[in-house]
Amino acid sequence: MNDENSELALNICLLYGEIMAKNNVDPRDIQRDIHKIGTIMNMDQVTIYQTLTGIFITLNQGSKIKMRVIDATENNFEKIIRAKQALENFKNSILTQENFYKTLIEINNTHYSFPITVQVLSAGMVSAALGVVFTSQLSDFPIDLIIGGVSYFILLYFQKKLMLKSFSTFLSASVLAILVSLSINLDLATNPYMIIFLVLCH
């Protein structure tokens, strides 16, 4: 394998590994897929090392090495499915190396998600449903639905504005606690422990 091909091979393995690591795929599954890519491209002794903050790919016992920082994680199953489908297409010779790499770049740069309204409504529904599961009563369903949706909207808003996941979570949880306290004090809700399962939803 010449230098140009080995460089492309390393970039493909690294980008595939980054997509999977960012979406919390099991490291053993990532290793298995990277070795599969290496076999398809006739790479010699490809090795992957993964830490909490980065991913490393080496060829020929370290003669070539590249790394990528994993600075944030998510659980975007659409990216995982698309990346695995691209690998399957590459394995079946539907995609060339160059097209496989371009496809991975597109997957990595695209944010696949439902519209905000669907996400907020879903968060509210999950919160309200958990309330029914834990308390076996429907009386708090409407207020759980509203508070769950509002607090999740605040979480999404601050994540987009501040780009700080931990601080956004703190702000959202604070607003959630205030709304729950108000609903209890105003007799809009009857269960003072509703905050527990509302927080669990987030």
C-alpha atoms as a PDB file:
ATOM      1  CA  MET A   1       0.000   0.000   0.000  1.00  0.00           C
ATOM      2  CA  ASN A   2       1.562   3.313  -1.114  1.00  0.00           C
ATOM      3  CA  ASP A   3       1.648   6.456   1.027  1.00  0.00           C
ATOM      4  CA  GLU A   4      -1.355   8.075  -0.678  1.00  0.00           C
ATOM      5  CA  ASN A   5      -3.541   5.015  -0.252  1.00  0.00           C
ATOM      6  CA  SER A   6      -2.422   4.436   3.329  1.00  0.00           C
ATOM      7  CA  GLU A   7      -3.197   8.072   4.142  1.00  0.00           C
ATOM      8  CA  LEU A   8      -6.721   7.707   2.752  1.00  0.00           C
ATOM      9  CA  ALA A   9      -7.154   4.395   4.562  1.00  0.00           C
ATOM     10  CA  LEU A  10      -6.101   5.965   7.857  1.00  0.00           C
ATOM     11  CA  ASN A  11      -8.459   8.898   7.330  1.00  0.00           C
ATOM     12  CA  ILE A  12     -11.369   6.557   6.586  1.00  0.00           C
ATOM     13  CA  CYS A  13     -10.733   4.440   9.681  1.00  0.00           C
ATOM     14  CA  LEU A  14     -10.266   7.505  11.855  1.00  0.00           C
ATOM     15  CA  LEU A  15     -13.424   9.240  10.653  1.00  0.00           C
ATOM     16  CA  TYR A  16     -15.518   6.082  10.965  1.00  0.00           C
ATOM     17  CA  GLY A  17     -14.167   5.539  14.472  1.00  0.00           C
ATOM     18  CA  GLU A  18     -14.874   9.157  15.392  1.00  0.00           C
ATOM     19  CA  ILE A  19     -18.505   8.958  14.251  1.00  0.00           C
ATOM     20  CA  MET A  20     -19.060   5.793  16.265  1.00  0.00           C
ATOM     21  CA  ALA A  21     -17.174   6.969  19.363  1.00  0.00           C
ATOM     22  CA  LYS A  22     -19.061  10.280  19.413  1.00  0.00           C
ATOM     23  CA  ASN A  23     -22.314   8.337  19.456  1.00  0.00           C
ATOM     24  CA  ASN A  24     -21.289   6.049  22.334  1.00  0.00           C
ATOM     25  CA  VAL A  25     -20.988   2.847  20.325  1.00  0.00           C
ATOM     26  CA  ASP A  26     -19.319   0.012  22.251  1.00  0.00           C
ATOM     27  CA  PRO A  27     -15.509   0.191  21.696  1.00  0.00           C
ATOM     28  CA  ARG A  28     -15.445  -3.522  20.820  1.00  0.00           C
ATOM     29  CA  ASP A  29     -17.930  -2.929  18.001  1.00  0.00           C
ATOM     30  CA  ILE A  30     -15.827  -0.010  16.757  1.00  0.00           C
ATOM     31  CA  GLN A  31     -12.683  -2.164  16.767  1.00  0.00           C
ATOM     32  CA  ARG A  32     -14.485  -4.937  14.888  1.00  0.00           C
ATOM     33  CA  ASP A  33     -15.683  -2.503  12.198  1.00  0.00           C
ATOM     34  CA  ILE A  34     -12.252  -0.850  11.880  1.00  0.00           C
ATOM     35  CA  HIS A  35     -10.607  -4.237  11.383  1.00  0.00           C
ATOM     36  CA  LYS A  36     -13.274  -5.029   8.777  1.00  0.00           C
ATOM     37  CA  ILE A  37     -12.410  -1.805   6.924  1.00  0.00           C
ATOM     38  CA  GLY A  38      -8.713  -2.645   7.198  1.00  0.00           C
ATOM     39  CA  THR A  39      -9.295  -6.078   5.699  1.00  0.00           C
ATOM     40  CA  ILE A  40     -11.274  -4.640   2.777  1.00  0.00           C
ATOM     41  CA  MET A  41      -8.487  -2.126   2.018  1.00  0.00           C
ATOM     42  CA  ASN A  42      -5.650  -4.624   2.567  1.00  0.00           C
ATOM     43  CA  MET A  43      -4.199  -2.562   5.379  1.00  0.00           C
ATOM     44  CA  ASP A  44      -1.294  -4.082   7.286  1.00  0.00           C
ATOM     45  CA  GLN A  45      -1.769  -4.433  11.036  1.00  0.00           C
ATOM     46  CA  VAL A  46      -4.335  -1.673  11.618  1.00  0.00           C
ATOM     47  CA  THR A  47      -4.807  -1.007  15.323  1.00  0.00           C
ATOM     48  CA  ILE A  48      -7.268   1.241  17.115  1.00  0.00           C
ATOM     49  CA  TYR A  49      -6.923   2.720  20.596  1.00  0.00           C
ATOM     50  CA  GLN A  50      -9.792   4.554  22.218  1.00  0.00           C
ATOM     51  CA  THR A  51      -9.892   6.704  25.342  1.00  0.00           C
ATOM     52  CA  LEU A  52     -12.618   8.870  26.859  1.00  0.00           C
ATOM     53  CA  THR A  53     -11.339  11.923  24.993  1.00  0.00           C
ATOM     54  CA  GLY A  54      -9.780  10.603  21.817  1.00  0.00           C
ATOM     55  CA  ILE A  55      -9.315   7.863  19.257  1.00  0.00           C
ATOM     56  CA  PHE A  56      -6.012   6.680  17.734  1.00  0.00           C
ATOM     57  CA  ILE A  57      -5.404   4.632  14.581  1.00  0.00           C
ATOM     58  CA  THR A  58      -2.041   3.092  13.724  1.00  0.00           C
ATOM     59  CA  LEU A  59      -0.625   1.143  10.782  1.00  0.00           C
ATOM     60  CA  ASN A  60       2.314  -1.254  10.763  1.00  0.00           C
ATOM     61  CA  GLN A  61       2.847  -1.268  14.523  1.00  0.00           C
ATOM     62  CA  GLY A  62       2.918   2.502  14.834  1.00  0.00           C
ATOM     63  CA  SER A  63       4.849   3.462  11.679  1.00  0.00           C
ATOM     64  CA  LYS A  64       1.834   5.605  10.804  1.00  0.00           C
ATOM     65  CA  ILE A  65      -0.448   7.034  13.464  1.00  0.00           C
ATOM     66  CA  LYS A  66      -3.317   9.500  13.542  1.00  0.00           C
ATOM     67  CA  MET A  67      -5.634  10.665  16.290  1.00  0.00           C
ATOM     68  CA  ARG A  68      -8.860  12.584  16.666  1.00  0.00           C
ATOM     69  CA  VAL A  69     -10.180  14.315  19.786  1.00  0.00           C
ATOM     70  CA  ILE A  70     -13.659  13.282  20.969  1.00  0.00           C
ATOM     71  CA  ASP A  71     -14.785  16.506  22.636  1.00  0.00           C
ATOM     72  CA  ALA A  72     -18.528  15.825  22.826  1.00  0.00           C
ATOM     73  CA  THR A  73     -20.822  12.833  22.653  1.00  0.00           C
ATOM     74  CA  GLU A  74     -24.423  12.300  21.634  1.00  0.00           C
ATOM     75  CA  ASN A  75     -26.737   9.401  20.895  1.00  0.00           C
ATOM     76  CA  ASN A  76     -27.612   9.976  17.257  1.00  0.00           C
ATOM     77  CA  PHE A  77     -28.739   6.561  16.043  1.00  0.00           C
ATOM     78  CA  GLU A  78     -29.329   7.923  12.539  1.00  0.00           C
ATOM     79  CA  LYS A  79     -25.586   8.590  12.167  1.00  0.00           C
ATOM     80  CA  ILE A  80     -24.726   5.117  13.427  1.00  0.00           C
ATOM     81  CA  ILE A  81     -27.142   3.454  10.999  1.00  0.00           C
ATOM     82  CA  ARG A  82     -25.955   5.556   8.042  1.00  0.00           C
ATOM     83  CA  ALA A  83     -22.275   4.914   8.813  1.00  0.00           C
ATOM     84  CA  LYS A  84     -22.864   1.158   9.116  1.00  0.00           C
ATOM     85  CA  GLN A  85     -24.855   1.178   5.865  1.00  0.00           C
ATOM     86  CA  ALA A  86     -22.002   3.032   4.147  1.00  0.00           C
ATOM     87  CA  LEU A  87     -19.566   0.396   5.452  1.00  0.00           C
ATOM     88  CA  GLU A  88     -21.818  -2.357   4.123  1.00  0.00           C
ATOM     89  CA  ASN A  89     -21.964  -0.638   0.717  1.00  0.00           C
ATOM     90  CA  PHE A  90     -18.168  -0.306   0.735  1.00  0.00           C
ATOM     91  CA  LYS A  91     -17.802  -3.979   1.640  1.00  0.00           C
ATOM     92  CA  ASN A  92     -20.084  -4.929  -1.282  1.00  0.00           C
ATOM     93  CA  SER A  93     -18.120  -2.666  -3.682  1.00  0.00           C
ATOM     94  CA  ILE A  94     -21.078  -0.314  -4.125  1.00  0.00           C
ATOM     95  CA  LEU A  95     -18.880   2.530  -2.841  1.00  0.00           C
ATOM     96  CA  THR A  96     -15.264   3.170  -3.760  1.00  0.00           C
ATOM     97  CA  GLN A  97     -12.743   4.224  -1.108  1.00  0.00           C
ATOM     98  CA  GLU A  98     -13.093   7.877  -2.125  1.00  0.00           C
ATOM     99  CA  ASN A  99     -16.894   7.740  -2.129  1.00  0.00           C
ATOM    100  CA  PHE A 100     -16.917   5.906   1.196  1.00  0.00           C
ATOM    101  CA  TYR A 101     -14.758   8.662   2.699  1.00  0.00           C
ATOM    102  CA  LYS A 102     -16.959  11.416   1.231  1.00  0.00           C
ATOM    103  CA  THR A 103     -20.061   9.661   2.579  1.00  0.00           C
ATOM    104  CA  LEU A 104     -18.535   9.494   6.059  1.00  0.00           C
ATOM    105  CA  ILE A 105     -17.643  13.201   5.912  1.00  0.00           C
ATOM    106  CA  GLU A 106     -21.235  14.025   4.984  1.00  0.00           C
ATOM    107  CA  ILE A 107     -22.603  11.839   7.800  1.00  0.00           C
ATOM    108  CA  ASN A 108     -20.229  13.417  10.326  1.00  0.00           C
ATOM    109  CA  ASN A 109     -21.109  16.980   9.294  1.00  0.00           C
ATOM    110  CA  THR A 110     -24.888  16.480   9.152  1.00  0.00           C
ATOM    111  CA  HIS A 111     -27.025  16.853  12.258  1.00  0.00           C
ATOM    112  CA  TYR A 112     -29.858  14.359  11.962  1.00  0.00           C
ATOM    113  CA  SER A 113     -32.734  15.169  14.273  1.00  0.00           C
ATOM    114  CA  PHE A 114     -36.496  15.516  14.491  1.00  0.00           C
ATOM    115  CA  PRO A 115     -38.007  19.025  14.446  1.00  0.00           C
ATOM    116  CA  ILE A 116     -37.841  20.869  17.778  1.00  0.00           C
ATOM    117  CA  THR A 117     -41.615  20.678  18.207  1.00  0.00           C
ATOM    118  CA  VAL A 118     -41.537  16.874  17.904  1.00  0.00           C
ATOM    119  CA  GLN A 119     -38.634  16.611  20.364  1.00  0.00           C
ATOM    120  CA  VAL A 120     -40.338  18.866  22.927  1.00  0.00           C
ATOM    121  CA  LEU A 121     -43.685  17.093  22.604  1.00  0.00           C
ATOM    122  CA  SER A 122     -41.978  13.705  22.914  1.00  0.00           C
ATOM    123  CA  ALA A 123     -40.104  14.820  26.055  1.00  0.00           C
ATOM    124  CA  GLY A 124     -43.376  15.982  27.569  1.00  0.00           C
ATOM    125  CA  MET A 125     -45.129  12.727  26.700  1.00  0.00           C
ATOM    126  CA  VAL A 126     -42.325  10.622  28.199  1.00  0.00           C
ATOM    127  CA  SER A 127     -42.359  12.737  31.370  1.00  0.00           C
ATOM    128  CA  ALA A 128     -46.122  12.429  31.725  1.00  0.00           C
ATOM    129  CA  ALA A 129     -46.087   8.700  30.960  1.00  0.00           C
ATOM    130  CA  LEU A 130     -43.407   8.078  33.589  1.00  0.00           C
ATOM    131  CA  GLY A 131     -45.510  10.033  36.051  1.00  0.00           C
ATOM    132  CA  VAL A 132     -48.417   7.667  35.466  1.00  0.00           C
ATOM    133  CA  VAL A 133     -46.135   4.615  35.722  1.00  0.00           C
ATOM    134  CA  PHE A 134     -44.647   5.719  39.036  1.00  0.00           C
ATOM    135  CA  THR A 135     -47.812   7.057  40.689  1.00  0.00           C
ATOM    136  CA  SER A 136     -50.559   4.983  39.030  1.00  0.00           C
ATOM    137  CA  GLN A 137     -52.738   8.077  38.701  1.00  0.00           C
ATOM    138  CA  LEU A 138     -53.664  10.353  35.807  1.00  0.00           C
ATOM    139  CA  SER A 139     -54.321  13.559  37.749  1.00  0.00           C
ATOM    140  CA  ASP A 140     -50.830  14.996  37.189  1.00  0.00           C
ATOM    141  CA  PHE A 141     -50.579  13.950  33.534  1.00  0.00           C
ATOM    142  CA  PRO A 142     -51.298  17.423  32.013  1.00  0.00           C
ATOM    143  CA  ILE A 143     -48.888  19.331  34.273  1.00  0.00           C
ATOM    144  CA  ASP A 144     -46.185  16.654  33.832  1.00  0.00           C
ATOM    145  CA  LEU A 145     -46.626  16.962  30.078  1.00  0.00           C
ATOM    146  CA  ILE A 146     -46.218  20.745  30.165  1.00  0.00           C
ATOM    147  CA  ILE A 147     -43.308  20.882  32.602  1.00  0.00           C
ATOM    148  CA  GLY A 148     -41.444  18.045  30.867  1.00  0.00           C
ATOM    149  CA  GLY A 149     -41.796  19.743  27.480  1.00  0.00           C
ATOM    150  CA  VAL A 150     -40.877  23.230  28.734  1.00  0.00           C
ATOM    151  CA  SER A 151     -37.787  22.075  30.623  1.00  0.00           C
ATOM    152  CA  TYR A 152     -36.572  20.062  27.626  1.00  0.00           C
ATOM    153  CA  PHE A 153     -37.079  23.071  25.347  1.00  0.00           C
ATOM    154  CA  ILE A 154     -34.970  25.150  27.738  1.00  0.00           C
ATOM    155  CA  LEU A 155     -32.290  22.451  27.668  1.00  0.00           C
ATOM    156  CA  LEU A 156     -32.176  22.494  23.851  1.00  0.00           C
ATOM    157  CA  TYR A 157     -32.210  26.303  23.751  1.00  0.00           C
ATOM    158  CA  PHE A 158     -29.279  26.766  26.118  1.00  0.00           C
ATOM    159  CA  GLN A 159     -27.299  23.951  24.497  1.00  0.00           C
ATOM    160  CA  LYS A 160     -27.567  25.762  21.186  1.00  0.00           C
ATOM    161  CA  LYS A 161     -26.786  29.202  22.619  1.00  0.00           C
ATOM    162  CA  LEU A 162     -24.096  28.352  25.160  1.00  0.00           C
ATOM    163  CA  MET A 163     -22.568  25.200  23.612  1.00  0.00           C
ATOM    164  CA  LEU A 164     -22.026  23.933  27.171  1.00  0.00           C
ATOM    165  CA  LYS A 165     -23.928  20.717  27.801  1.00  0.00           C
ATOM    166  CA  SER A 166     -23.318  20.478  31.561  1.00  0.00           C
ATOM    167  CA  PHE A 167     -24.300  24.100  32.247  1.00  0.00           C
ATOM    168  CA  SER A 168     -27.358  23.799  29.996  1.00  0.00           C
ATOM    169  CA  THR A 169     -28.422  20.700  31.913  1.00  0.00           C
ATOM    170  CA  PHE A 170     -27.995  22.571  35.197  1.00  0.00           C
ATOM    171  CA  LEU A 171     -30.114  25.501  33.971  1.00  0.00           C
ATOM    172  CA  SER A 172     -32.807  23.180  32.653  1.00  0.00           C
ATOM    173  CA  ALA A 173     -32.903  21.223  35.914  1.00  0.00           C
ATOM    174  CA  SER A 174     -33.143  24.484  37.884  1.00  0.00           C
ATOM    175  CA  VAL A 175     -36.094  25.684  35.822  1.00  0.00           C
ATOM    176  CA  LEU A 176     -37.695  22.255  36.158  1.00  0.00           C
ATOM    177  CA  ALA A 177     -37.364  22.368  39.958  1.00  0.00           C
ATOM    178  CA  ILE A 178     -38.901  25.857  40.079  1.00  0.00           C
ATOM    179  CA  LEU A 179     -41.834  24.825  37.877  1.00  0.00           C
ATOM    180  CA  VAL A 180     -42.478  21.705  39.958  1.00  0.00           C
ATOM    181  CA  SER A 181     -42.406  23.743  43.198  1.00  0.00           C
ATOM    182  CA  LEU A 182     -44.823  26.296  41.744  1.00  0.00           C
ATOM    183  CA  SER A 183     -47.186  23.612  40.506  1.00  0.00           C
ATOM    184  CA  ILE A 184     -47.271  21.992  43.959  1.00  0.00           C
ATOM    185  CA  ASN A 185     -47.786  25.341  45.734  1.00  0.00           C
ATOM    186  CA  LEU A 186     -50.550  26.360  43.321  1.00  0.00           C
ATOM    187  CA  ASP A 187     -52.261  22.965  43.694  1.00  0.00           C
ATOM    188  CA  LEU A 188     -51.774  22.203  39.998  1.00  0.00           C
ATOM    189  CA  ALA A 189     -50.043  18.928  40.909  1.00  0.00           C
ATOM    190  CA  THR A 190     -50.543  16.515  43.777  1.00  0.00           C
ATOM    191  CA  ASN A 191     -47.341  14.475  43.806  1.00  0.00           C
ATOM    192  CA  PRO A 192     -44.319  16.263  45.356  1.00  0.00           C
ATOM    193  CA  TYR A 193     -41.979  13.557  44.032  1.00  0.00           C
ATOM    194  CA  MET A 194     -42.798  14.260  40.409  1.00  0.00           C
ATOM    195  CA  ILE A 195     -39.473  16.073  40.064  1.00  0.00           C
ATOM    196  CA  ILE A 196     -37.669  12.736  40.366  1.00  0.00           C
ATOM    197  CA  PHE A 197     -39.110  11.161  37.249  1.00  0.00           C
ATOM    198  CA  LEU A 198     -39.100  14.481  35.373  1.00  0.00           C
ATOM    199  CA  VAL A 199     -35.360  14.752  35.954  1.00  0.00           C
ATOM    200  CA  LEU A 200     -34.937  11.101  34.905  1.00  0.00           C
ATOM    201  CA  CYS A 201     -36.422  11.987  31.515  1.00  0.00           C
ATOM    202  CA  HIS A 202     -33.670  14.490  30.890  1.00  0.00           C
END
